[in-house]
N, C-alpha and C. Protein backbone atom coordinates (compact mmCIF):
# COMPACT_ATOMS: atom_id res chain seq x y z
N ALA A 1 -77.73 77.12 -83.68
CA ALA A 1 -76.39 77.18 -84.71
C ALA A 1 -76.47 75.89 -85.49
N LEU A 2 -76.41 74.86 -84.58
CA LEU A 2 -75.48 73.62 -85.27
C LEU A 2 -76.66 73.02 -86.16
N PRO A 3 -77.89 73.17 -85.80
CA PRO A 3 -78.86 72.67 -87.24
C PRO A 3 -78.64 73.24 -88.22
N ILE A 4 -78.29 74.77 -88.11
CA ILE A 4 -78.25 75.54 -89.31
C ILE A 4 -77.40 75.19 -90.16
N LEU A 5 -75.93 74.82 -89.37
CA LEU A 5 -74.70 74.70 -90.04
C LEU A 5 -74.89 73.39 -90.57
N MET A 6 -75.54 72.07 -90.06
CA MET A 6 -75.82 70.75 -90.64
C MET A 6 -76.33 70.81 -91.97
N LYS A 7 -77.51 71.85 -91.95
CA LYS A 7 -78.28 71.77 -93.20
C LYS A 7 -77.77 72.65 -94.23
N GLN A 8 -76.67 73.62 -93.82
CA GLN A 8 -75.67 74.27 -94.91
C GLN A 8 -74.94 73.72 -95.51
N LEU A 9 -74.28 72.62 -94.50
CA LEU A 9 -73.23 71.75 -95.02
C LEU A 9 -74.19 70.42 -95.77
N LEU A 10 -74.98 69.81 -95.86
CA LEU A 10 -75.76 69.10 -96.43
C LEU A 10 -76.09 69.53 -97.45
N ALA A 11 -76.81 71.05 -97.62
CA ALA A 11 -76.60 71.51 -99.08
C ALA A 11 -75.46 71.89 -99.77
N TYR A 12 -74.47 72.11 -99.48
CA TYR A 12 -73.23 72.44 -100.08
C TYR A 12 -73.13 70.94 -100.64
N LEU A 13 -73.16 69.70 -100.14
CA LEU A 13 -72.55 68.84 -100.46
C LEU A 13 -73.34 68.34 -101.51
N ARG A 14 -74.93 68.58 -101.41
CA ARG A 14 -75.64 68.09 -102.75
C ARG A 14 -75.26 69.19 -104.15
N GLY A 15 -74.79 70.14 -104.10
CA GLY A 15 -74.28 70.92 -104.87
C GLY A 15 -73.21 70.50 -105.60
N VAL A 16 -72.24 69.77 -104.78
CA VAL A 16 -70.79 69.39 -105.65
C VAL A 16 -70.42 67.96 -105.57
N VAL A 17 -71.40 66.97 -105.32
CA VAL A 17 -71.30 65.53 -105.34
C VAL A 17 -71.98 64.94 -106.67
N PRO A 18 -71.13 64.51 -107.60
CA PRO A 18 -71.69 64.13 -108.64
C PRO A 18 -72.51 62.97 -108.62
N GLN A 19 -73.79 62.97 -109.09
CA GLN A 19 -75.06 61.99 -108.94
C GLN A 19 -74.31 60.44 -110.19
N GLY A 20 -74.36 59.82 -109.65
CA GLY A 20 -73.76 58.29 -110.06
C GLY A 20 -74.70 57.66 -109.90
N GLU A 21 -74.24 56.06 -110.67
CA GLU A 21 -75.38 55.07 -110.68
C GLU A 21 -75.31 54.41 -109.12
N GLU A 22 -74.38 54.54 -108.53
CA GLU A 22 -74.38 53.93 -107.26
C GLU A 22 -75.27 54.29 -106.22
N GLN A 23 -75.67 53.97 -105.04
CA GLN A 23 -76.48 54.67 -103.93
C GLN A 23 -75.07 55.26 -102.86
N ARG A 24 -75.57 56.33 -102.63
CA ARG A 24 -74.53 56.85 -101.69
C ARG A 24 -75.47 57.13 -100.72
N TYR A 25 -74.62 57.37 -99.63
CA TYR A 25 -75.03 57.93 -98.10
C TYR A 25 -74.71 58.98 -97.39
N TYR A 26 -74.75 59.85 -96.73
CA TYR A 26 -74.32 60.75 -95.61
C TYR A 26 -74.32 60.11 -94.15
N ALA A 27 -72.87 60.14 -94.22
CA ALA A 27 -72.72 59.61 -92.19
C ALA A 27 -72.00 61.19 -91.68
N VAL A 28 -72.66 61.16 -91.11
CA VAL A 28 -72.11 62.28 -89.96
C VAL A 28 -71.75 61.87 -88.45
N ARG A 29 -70.67 62.48 -88.47
CA ARG A 29 -70.07 62.10 -87.32
C ARG A 29 -69.52 63.58 -86.22
N LEU A 30 -69.64 63.15 -85.03
CA LEU A 30 -69.51 64.34 -84.00
C LEU A 30 -68.20 63.51 -83.23
N ASP A 31 -66.72 64.12 -83.04
CA ASP A 31 -65.84 63.79 -82.66
C ASP A 31 -65.21 64.45 -81.52
N PHE A 32 -65.45 64.45 -80.33
CA PHE A 32 -65.61 64.78 -79.18
C PHE A 32 -63.71 64.19 -78.46
N ASN A 33 -63.02 65.51 -78.50
CA ASN A 33 -61.77 65.00 -77.80
C ASN A 33 -61.06 63.71 -78.18
N GLN A 34 -61.51 63.40 -79.54
CA GLN A 34 -61.00 62.27 -80.32
C GLN A 34 -59.84 62.50 -80.91
N GLU A 35 -58.53 61.39 -80.56
CA GLU A 35 -57.37 61.82 -81.56
C GLU A 35 -57.68 61.29 -82.93
N GLY A 36 -56.92 62.03 -83.63
CA GLY A 36 -56.93 61.58 -84.95
C GLY A 36 -55.53 60.73 -85.71
N CYS A 37 -55.45 60.81 -86.94
CA CYS A 37 -54.28 59.94 -87.32
C CYS A 37 -53.36 60.84 -87.66
N ALA A 38 -52.39 60.83 -86.88
CA ALA A 38 -51.13 61.97 -87.09
C ALA A 38 -50.01 61.67 -88.13
N LYS A 39 -50.30 60.55 -88.81
CA LYS A 39 -50.04 60.19 -90.42
C LYS A 39 -50.44 60.87 -91.52
N PHE A 40 -49.86 61.57 -92.50
CA PHE A 40 -50.35 62.00 -93.50
C PHE A 40 -51.19 61.09 -94.10
N HIS A 41 -52.32 61.02 -94.73
CA HIS A 41 -53.11 59.70 -95.03
C HIS A 41 -54.38 60.47 -96.37
N ASP A 42 -54.83 59.85 -97.01
CA ASP A 42 -56.14 60.23 -97.64
C ASP A 42 -57.30 59.13 -97.42
N ASP A 43 -58.36 59.31 -97.53
CA ASP A 43 -59.50 58.61 -97.00
C ASP A 43 -60.37 58.38 -98.39
N SER A 44 -59.76 58.05 -99.52
CA SER A 44 -60.33 57.66 -100.66
C SER A 44 -60.99 56.46 -100.73
N ARG A 45 -60.41 55.33 -99.82
CA ARG A 45 -60.99 54.26 -99.88
C ARG A 45 -62.54 54.64 -99.15
N TYR A 46 -62.76 55.22 -98.35
CA TYR A 46 -64.08 55.37 -97.36
C TYR A 46 -65.16 56.50 -97.90
N THR A 47 -64.72 57.59 -98.99
CA THR A 47 -65.58 58.57 -99.33
C THR A 47 -64.68 58.97 -100.28
N THR A 48 -66.02 59.88 -100.76
CA THR A 48 -65.59 60.56 -102.26
C THR A 48 -65.42 62.00 -101.92
N LEU A 49 -66.17 62.17 -100.76
CA LEU A 49 -66.44 63.53 -100.41
C LEU A 49 -66.60 63.83 -98.73
N ARG A 50 -65.57 64.90 -98.32
CA ARG A 50 -65.69 64.30 -96.81
C ARG A 50 -65.64 66.05 -96.49
N ILE A 51 -66.39 66.39 -95.60
CA ILE A 51 -66.62 68.05 -95.28
C ILE A 51 -66.21 67.88 -93.53
N THR A 52 -65.31 68.94 -93.12
CA THR A 52 -65.06 68.44 -91.74
C THR A 52 -65.18 70.07 -91.06
N VAL A 53 -65.47 70.26 -90.15
CA VAL A 53 -65.53 71.68 -89.63
C VAL A 53 -65.03 71.51 -88.09
N PRO A 54 -63.91 72.02 -87.52
CA PRO A 54 -63.85 72.14 -86.04
C PRO A 54 -64.22 73.08 -85.46
N VAL A 55 -65.50 72.55 -84.64
CA VAL A 55 -65.97 73.82 -83.92
C VAL A 55 -65.49 74.10 -82.95
N LEU A 56 -64.42 73.47 -81.92
CA LEU A 56 -63.68 73.92 -80.86
C LEU A 56 -62.45 73.20 -81.11
N GLY A 57 -61.13 74.03 -80.91
CA GLY A 57 -59.90 73.22 -81.15
C GLY A 57 -59.61 73.49 -82.43
N PRO A 58 -58.22 72.85 -82.60
CA PRO A 58 -57.62 72.69 -83.81
C PRO A 58 -58.35 71.97 -84.91
N GLY A 59 -58.10 72.00 -86.33
CA GLY A 59 -58.35 70.81 -87.44
C GLY A 59 -57.44 70.24 -87.86
N PRO A 60 -58.33 69.48 -89.28
CA PRO A 60 -57.02 68.84 -89.99
C PRO A 60 -55.68 69.69 -90.28
N VAL A 61 -54.65 69.08 -90.53
CA VAL A 61 -53.52 69.83 -91.22
C VAL A 61 -53.29 69.10 -92.70
N LEU A 62 -53.43 70.33 -93.53
CA LEU A 62 -53.63 69.63 -95.19
C LEU A 62 -52.26 69.62 -95.57
N ALA A 63 -51.57 68.91 -96.15
CA ALA A 63 -51.07 68.75 -97.67
C ALA A 63 -51.47 69.19 -98.98
N LEU A 64 -51.27 70.54 -99.28
CA LEU A 64 -51.80 70.81 -100.47
C LEU A 64 -50.96 70.13 -101.66
N ARG A 65 -51.82 69.59 -102.46
CA ARG A 65 -51.05 68.88 -104.01
C ARG A 65 -49.81 69.43 -104.27
N GLN A 66 -49.97 71.09 -104.29
CA GLN A 66 -48.46 71.21 -104.97
C GLN A 66 -47.29 70.95 -104.04
N ASN A 67 -47.68 70.63 -102.75
CA ASN A 67 -46.41 70.74 -101.49
C ASN A 67 -46.19 68.96 -101.34
N VAL A 68 -46.91 68.21 -101.94
CA VAL A 68 -46.99 67.10 -101.99
C VAL A 68 -45.68 66.35 -102.85
N ASP A 69 -44.95 65.27 -102.31
CA ASP A 69 -43.76 64.56 -103.01
C ASP A 69 -44.67 63.37 -103.67
N TRP A 70 -45.44 63.39 -104.59
CA TRP A 70 -46.17 62.63 -105.41
C TRP A 70 -45.15 61.28 -105.59
N ALA A 71 -44.01 61.28 -106.05
CA ALA A 71 -43.26 60.22 -106.36
C ALA A 71 -42.93 59.18 -105.00
N PHE A 72 -43.00 60.00 -104.13
CA PHE A 72 -42.71 59.39 -102.71
C PHE A 72 -44.16 58.59 -102.44
N TRP A 73 -45.32 59.50 -102.39
CA TRP A 73 -46.43 59.08 -101.89
C TRP A 73 -47.21 57.74 -102.73
N GLU A 74 -46.54 57.52 -104.02
CA GLU A 74 -47.02 56.73 -105.05
C GLU A 74 -46.09 55.35 -104.50
N LYS A 75 -44.73 56.03 -104.27
CA LYS A 75 -43.75 54.93 -104.16
C LYS A 75 -44.04 53.83 -102.98
N GLU A 76 -44.59 54.55 -102.10
CA GLU A 76 -44.94 53.96 -100.33
C GLU A 76 -46.60 53.45 -100.47
N ALA A 77 -47.06 53.99 -101.99
CA ALA A 77 -48.90 53.40 -101.60
C ALA A 77 -49.52 54.26 -100.59
N GLY A 78 -48.83 55.51 -99.86
CA GLY A 78 -49.50 56.05 -99.07
C GLY A 78 -49.60 55.35 -97.51
N LEU A 79 -48.75 54.17 -97.51
CA LEU A 79 -48.76 53.34 -96.58
C LEU A 79 -47.06 53.84 -95.27
N LEU A 80 -47.37 53.59 -94.37
CA LEU A 80 -46.16 53.42 -93.51
C LEU A 80 -46.19 52.40 -92.75
N ASP A 81 -45.28 51.19 -93.00
CA ASP A 81 -45.31 49.83 -92.31
C ASP A 81 -44.48 50.01 -90.85
N LYS A 82 -43.83 50.84 -91.27
CA LYS A 82 -42.52 50.70 -89.97
C LYS A 82 -43.02 51.02 -88.72
N VAL A 83 -44.06 51.61 -88.64
CA VAL A 83 -44.73 52.06 -86.92
C VAL A 83 -44.71 50.69 -86.19
N ALA A 84 -45.43 49.71 -86.72
CA ALA A 84 -45.53 48.68 -86.04
C ALA A 84 -44.24 48.06 -85.47
N GLU A 85 -43.10 48.47 -86.11
CA GLU A 85 -41.77 48.10 -85.56
C GLU A 85 -41.30 48.74 -84.57
N ALA A 86 -41.62 49.85 -84.36
CA ALA A 86 -41.12 50.95 -83.50
C ALA A 86 -41.36 50.30 -81.76
N GLY A 87 -40.31 50.58 -80.66
CA GLY A 87 -39.95 50.13 -79.78
C GLY A 87 -40.90 50.79 -78.57
N SER A 88 -41.40 52.24 -79.08
CA SER A 88 -41.95 53.11 -77.74
C SER A 88 -42.93 53.79 -78.73
N PRO A 89 -43.90 54.63 -78.08
CA PRO A 89 -44.75 55.44 -78.51
C PRO A 89 -43.82 56.56 -79.04
N GLN A 90 -42.69 57.21 -78.08
CA GLN A 90 -42.13 58.29 -78.72
C GLN A 90 -41.51 57.76 -80.07
N GLU A 91 -40.62 56.72 -80.34
CA GLU A 91 -39.95 56.22 -81.67
C GLU A 91 -41.33 56.33 -82.68
N ALA A 92 -42.33 55.70 -82.35
CA ALA A 92 -43.46 55.46 -83.44
C ALA A 92 -43.66 56.89 -83.82
N LEU A 93 -44.01 58.05 -82.95
CA LEU A 93 -44.37 59.53 -83.20
C LEU A 93 -42.95 59.98 -83.92
N GLU A 94 -42.06 59.93 -83.90
CA GLU A 94 -40.93 59.80 -84.50
C GLU A 94 -40.79 59.46 -86.14
N LEU A 95 -40.86 58.11 -86.08
CA LEU A 95 -41.06 57.43 -87.62
C LEU A 95 -42.16 58.73 -88.44
N VAL A 96 -43.47 58.61 -87.74
CA VAL A 96 -44.50 59.57 -88.18
C VAL A 96 -44.08 60.82 -88.79
N ARG A 97 -43.24 61.67 -87.79
CA ARG A 97 -42.97 62.64 -88.13
C ARG A 97 -42.09 62.69 -89.53
N GLU A 98 -41.24 61.76 -89.47
CA GLU A 98 -40.16 61.68 -90.55
C GLU A 98 -41.15 61.54 -92.13
N TRP A 99 -41.74 60.23 -91.71
CA TRP A 99 -42.60 60.22 -92.88
C TRP A 99 -43.36 61.17 -93.54
N ASN A 100 -44.10 62.23 -92.62
CA ASN A 100 -44.48 63.05 -92.94
C ASN A 100 -44.19 64.27 -93.68
N ASP A 101 -42.72 64.55 -92.91
CA ASP A 101 -42.03 65.34 -93.86
C ASP A 101 -41.34 65.02 -94.96
N GLN A 102 -41.19 63.56 -95.59
CA GLN A 102 -41.01 63.06 -96.74
C GLN A 102 -42.29 63.64 -97.73
N VAL A 103 -43.58 63.38 -96.98
CA VAL A 103 -44.56 63.46 -97.86
C VAL A 103 -44.75 64.73 -98.44
N CYS A 104 -44.81 65.90 -97.13
CA CYS A 104 -45.01 67.25 -97.24
C CYS A 104 -44.28 67.83 -96.20
N PRO A 105 -43.11 68.54 -96.48
CA PRO A 105 -42.52 69.75 -95.35
C PRO A 105 -42.99 70.28 -94.53
N ALA A 106 -42.83 70.23 -93.38
CA ALA A 106 -43.44 70.72 -91.95
C ALA A 106 -43.86 72.10 -92.63
N ALA A 107 -42.75 72.98 -93.17
CA ALA A 107 -42.69 74.35 -93.49
C ALA A 107 -43.98 74.47 -94.56
N GLN A 108 -44.66 73.80 -95.47
CA GLN A 108 -45.32 73.90 -96.62
C GLN A 108 -46.74 73.25 -96.16
N GLU A 109 -46.95 73.12 -94.86
CA GLU A 109 -48.31 71.98 -94.31
C GLU A 109 -48.87 73.53 -94.12
N THR A 110 -50.68 73.13 -94.05
CA THR A 110 -51.54 74.08 -94.02
C THR A 110 -52.42 73.41 -92.67
N ALA A 111 -52.22 74.45 -91.77
CA ALA A 111 -53.12 73.86 -90.70
C ALA A 111 -54.47 74.32 -90.72
N THR A 112 -55.62 74.15 -90.24
CA THR A 112 -56.53 74.52 -90.14
C THR A 112 -57.27 74.85 -88.45
N GLY A 113 -58.01 75.82 -88.30
CA GLY A 113 -58.48 75.66 -86.83
C GLY A 113 -60.25 76.13 -87.15
N GLU A 114 -60.19 76.16 -85.59
CA GLU A 114 -61.40 76.41 -85.35
C GLU A 114 -62.53 77.35 -86.15
N GLY A 115 -63.55 76.71 -86.57
CA GLY A 115 -64.19 77.47 -87.67
C GLY A 115 -64.24 77.32 -89.00
N SER A 116 -62.96 76.43 -89.73
CA SER A 116 -62.58 76.47 -90.75
C SER A 116 -63.65 75.35 -91.38
N LEU A 117 -63.95 75.15 -92.65
CA LEU A 117 -64.33 74.49 -93.41
C LEU A 117 -63.51 73.87 -94.58
N VAL A 118 -63.35 72.81 -94.24
CA VAL A 118 -62.32 71.65 -94.96
C VAL A 118 -63.29 70.92 -96.00
N VAL A 119 -62.80 70.49 -97.26
CA VAL A 119 -63.47 70.24 -98.27
C VAL A 119 -62.62 68.89 -98.63
N PHE A 120 -62.71 67.91 -98.34
CA PHE A 120 -61.84 66.75 -98.80
C PHE A 120 -62.50 65.80 -100.09
N LYS A 121 -61.74 65.92 -101.34
CA LYS A 121 -62.05 65.36 -102.13
C LYS A 121 -61.54 63.85 -102.39
N GLY A 122 -62.07 62.81 -102.37
CA GLY A 122 -61.32 61.64 -102.39
C GLY A 122 -61.37 61.15 -103.86
N GLY A 123 -61.00 60.01 -104.21
CA GLY A 123 -60.26 59.13 -105.17
C GLY A 123 -61.20 59.30 -106.58
N ALA A 124 -62.78 59.51 -105.82
CA ALA A 124 -63.75 59.58 -107.43
C ALA A 124 -63.86 60.46 -107.72
N LEU A 125 -63.41 61.73 -107.08
CA LEU A 125 -63.59 62.92 -107.42
C LEU A 125 -62.22 63.91 -107.96
N ALA A 126 -60.99 63.09 -107.51
CA ALA A 126 -60.05 63.93 -107.81
C ALA A 126 -58.93 62.65 -108.05
N GLU A 127 -58.00 62.83 -109.13
CA GLU A 127 -57.07 61.81 -109.29
C GLU A 127 -56.08 62.09 -108.32
N ARG A 128 -55.88 63.29 -107.54
CA ARG A 128 -55.21 63.06 -106.27
C ARG A 128 -55.92 63.65 -105.24
N PRO A 129 -56.01 62.79 -104.66
CA PRO A 129 -57.01 63.11 -103.12
C PRO A 129 -56.19 64.08 -102.37
N LEU A 130 -57.04 64.53 -101.34
CA LEU A 130 -56.34 65.53 -100.67
C LEU A 130 -55.66 64.81 -99.47
N ILE A 131 -54.26 64.98 -99.05
CA ILE A 131 -53.62 64.22 -98.15
C ILE A 131 -53.47 65.17 -96.84
N HIS A 132 -53.95 64.63 -95.64
CA HIS A 132 -54.28 65.11 -94.42
C HIS A 132 -53.88 64.20 -93.30
N ARG A 133 -53.62 64.85 -92.18
CA ARG A 133 -53.46 64.59 -90.98
C ARG A 133 -54.24 65.40 -89.71
N SER A 134 -54.19 64.59 -88.59
CA SER A 134 -54.74 65.49 -87.52
C SER A 134 -53.39 65.96 -87.13
N GLU A 135 -53.48 67.12 -86.04
CA GLU A 135 -52.48 67.63 -85.39
C GLU A 135 -51.54 66.85 -84.46
N TYR A 136 -50.44 66.79 -84.43
CA TYR A 136 -49.68 65.98 -83.23
C TYR A 136 -50.24 66.15 -81.78
N CYS A 137 -50.57 65.38 -81.13
CA CYS A 137 -51.24 65.39 -79.90
C CYS A 137 -50.24 65.55 -78.83
N THR A 138 -50.27 66.51 -77.57
CA THR A 138 -49.64 66.43 -76.83
C THR A 138 -50.47 65.69 -75.63
N PRO A 139 -49.30 64.56 -74.75
CA PRO A 139 -49.94 64.07 -73.84
C PRO A 139 -50.48 64.42 -72.83
N ALA A 140 -51.28 64.02 -72.14
CA ALA A 140 -52.03 64.47 -71.22
C ALA A 140 -51.20 64.80 -69.84
N ASP A 141 -50.86 65.85 -69.00
CA ASP A 141 -50.47 65.76 -67.69
C ASP A 141 -51.37 65.04 -67.00
N PRO A 142 -50.73 63.91 -66.13
CA PRO A 142 -51.86 63.28 -65.22
C PRO A 142 -52.22 64.14 -64.04
N ALA A 143 -51.23 65.22 -63.84
CA ALA A 143 -51.22 66.43 -62.56
C ALA A 143 -52.28 67.38 -63.24
N ASN A 144 -52.34 67.40 -64.49
CA ASN A 144 -53.00 68.67 -64.95
C ASN A 144 -54.16 68.18 -66.12
N PRO A 145 -55.30 67.24 -65.97
CA PRO A 145 -55.68 66.56 -66.86
C PRO A 145 -56.30 67.96 -68.08
N GLU A 146 -56.51 69.11 -67.12
CA GLU A 146 -56.82 70.16 -68.46
C GLU A 146 -56.13 70.86 -69.40
N SER A 147 -54.90 70.28 -69.08
CA SER A 147 -53.92 70.74 -70.19
C SER A 147 -54.06 70.56 -71.31
N VAL A 148 -54.88 69.29 -71.91
CA VAL A 148 -55.34 69.01 -73.12
C VAL A 148 -56.25 69.45 -73.80
N PRO A 149 -56.09 70.47 -74.49
CA PRO A 149 -57.23 71.54 -75.05
C PRO A 149 -58.42 70.33 -75.75
N ALA A 150 -59.78 71.03 -75.43
CA ALA A 150 -60.61 70.30 -75.97
C ALA A 150 -60.91 70.35 -77.54
N ARG A 151 -61.69 69.58 -77.87
CA ARG A 151 -62.02 69.36 -79.22
C ARG A 151 -63.40 69.06 -79.88
N LEU A 152 -63.83 69.51 -80.58
CA LEU A 152 -65.12 69.08 -81.27
C LEU A 152 -65.06 69.35 -82.74
N GLN A 153 -65.36 68.04 -83.49
CA GLN A 153 -64.88 67.89 -84.82
C GLN A 153 -66.10 67.81 -85.49
N ILE A 154 -66.98 68.11 -86.38
CA ILE A 154 -68.17 67.59 -87.30
C ILE A 154 -67.54 66.93 -88.50
N THR A 155 -68.06 66.10 -89.18
CA THR A 155 -67.31 65.48 -90.30
C THR A 155 -68.78 64.73 -90.90
N ILE A 156 -68.91 65.27 -92.04
CA ILE A 156 -69.78 64.51 -93.29
C ILE A 156 -69.13 63.82 -94.25
N ASP A 157 -69.58 62.54 -94.41
CA ASP A 157 -68.60 61.60 -95.26
C ASP A 157 -69.97 61.43 -96.36
N HIS A 158 -69.57 61.43 -98.03
CA HIS A 158 -70.38 60.80 -98.59
C HIS A 158 -69.70 59.41 -98.78
N VAL A 159 -70.83 58.63 -98.72
CA VAL A 159 -70.46 57.03 -98.75
C VAL A 159 -71.12 56.20 -99.61
N THR A 160 -70.27 55.11 -99.96
CA THR A 160 -71.17 53.87 -100.64
C THR A 160 -72.11 53.05 -99.55
N ALA A 161 -72.96 52.15 -100.25
CA ALA A 161 -73.58 51.27 -99.26
C ALA A 161 -72.60 50.34 -98.59
N ASP A 162 -71.85 49.96 -98.72
CA ASP A 162 -70.86 49.19 -98.19
C ASP A 162 -70.06 49.77 -97.07
N VAL A 163 -69.62 50.97 -97.53
CA VAL A 163 -68.90 51.56 -96.49
C VAL A 163 -69.86 51.88 -95.36
N LYS A 164 -71.01 52.31 -95.48
CA LYS A 164 -72.22 52.40 -94.61
C LYS A 164 -72.38 51.34 -93.42
N GLU A 165 -72.76 50.34 -94.44
CA GLU A 165 -72.78 49.19 -93.51
C GLU A 165 -71.46 48.96 -92.67
N GLN A 166 -70.47 48.85 -93.07
CA GLN A 166 -69.14 49.04 -92.43
C GLN A 166 -69.35 49.95 -91.24
N LEU A 167 -69.62 51.17 -91.13
CA LEU A 167 -69.44 51.96 -90.14
C LEU A 167 -70.74 51.47 -88.91
N ILE A 168 -71.88 50.99 -89.68
CA ILE A 168 -72.72 50.69 -88.61
C ILE A 168 -72.41 49.67 -87.67
N ASP A 169 -71.55 48.47 -88.85
CA ASP A 169 -71.10 47.56 -87.97
C ASP A 169 -70.09 47.97 -86.79
N MET A 170 -68.93 48.81 -87.24
CA MET A 170 -67.99 49.21 -85.85
C MET A 170 -68.86 49.60 -85.02
N ASN A 171 -69.68 50.44 -85.24
CA ASN A 171 -70.40 51.17 -84.14
C ASN A 171 -70.97 50.19 -83.31
N LEU A 172 -71.90 49.79 -83.97
CA LEU A 172 -72.49 48.54 -83.15
C LEU A 172 -71.59 47.76 -82.19
N ASP A 173 -70.45 47.27 -82.93
CA ASP A 173 -69.32 46.39 -82.00
C ASP A 173 -68.96 47.54 -81.03
N GLU A 174 -68.81 48.73 -81.04
CA GLU A 174 -68.37 49.50 -80.03
C GLU A 174 -69.26 49.13 -78.94
N GLU A 175 -70.57 49.68 -79.10
CA GLU A 175 -71.72 49.97 -78.30
C GLU A 175 -71.83 48.55 -77.34
N GLU A 176 -71.58 47.59 -78.11
CA GLU A 176 -72.08 46.03 -77.49
C GLU A 176 -70.55 45.70 -76.53
N GLU A 177 -69.53 46.45 -76.79
CA GLU A 177 -68.24 46.28 -75.93
C GLU A 177 -68.56 47.07 -74.67
N SER A 178 -69.10 48.25 -75.07
CA SER A 178 -69.22 49.19 -74.06
C SER A 178 -70.23 48.80 -73.11
N GLU A 179 -71.49 48.49 -73.50
CA GLU A 179 -72.41 47.57 -72.59
C GLU A 179 -71.92 46.22 -72.11
N ALA A 180 -70.98 45.71 -72.58
CA ALA A 180 -70.63 44.51 -71.80
C ALA A 180 -69.87 44.95 -70.78
N GLU A 181 -68.83 45.39 -70.82
CA GLU A 181 -67.90 46.19 -70.19
C GLU A 181 -68.81 46.74 -68.74
N ALA A 182 -69.72 47.66 -68.72
CA ALA A 182 -70.48 47.96 -68.00
C ALA A 182 -71.45 46.94 -67.51
N GLU A 183 -71.84 46.07 -67.55
CA GLU A 183 -72.28 44.77 -67.19
C GLU A 183 -71.40 44.12 -66.24
N HIS A 184 -70.03 43.80 -66.74
CA HIS A 184 -69.19 43.37 -66.05
C HIS A 184 -68.83 43.99 -64.61
N ASP A 185 -68.73 45.45 -65.34
CA ASP A 185 -68.46 46.40 -63.87
C ASP A 185 -69.43 46.45 -62.68
N ALA A 186 -70.73 46.19 -63.20
CA ALA A 186 -71.81 46.15 -62.01
C ALA A 186 -71.78 45.17 -61.03
């Protein structure tokens, strides 16, 4: 089923992405039990278009255009700098929740779930890109590690050559660090 889904997603992308002068690539990512960013953000710096399919567990939380306080978003340039000043993880999460509520009131958020197909238009395709976040994660209970729900998400990004190189470099750095740790532990 997964190969069929991937072929359908790539065919969809070819149909909606405008063909420009700059060479673009598809970056495919599988996130398994990966925590995302709980702060509302857009990914317009990285992608013109993103497709996400939560295969297992919750998907992204969306702030639909009509529900975003664009004056606040533009004033803050989409950034929340105060989190670095938080004294604890709980305080940081509270700052993020307050900031998110100013961007889009919680009652107006749109949650996506297993099997959803979410298409994010970035800055190259829309004046106001889709603002989104991951769900707020519940910390794992050390006595019951299975208490955190399993998640699997497929993401396809349409990226420039520069972003492609950045992604490759980031992943190679992670692999080298993992290999060095494994050698150190041996």
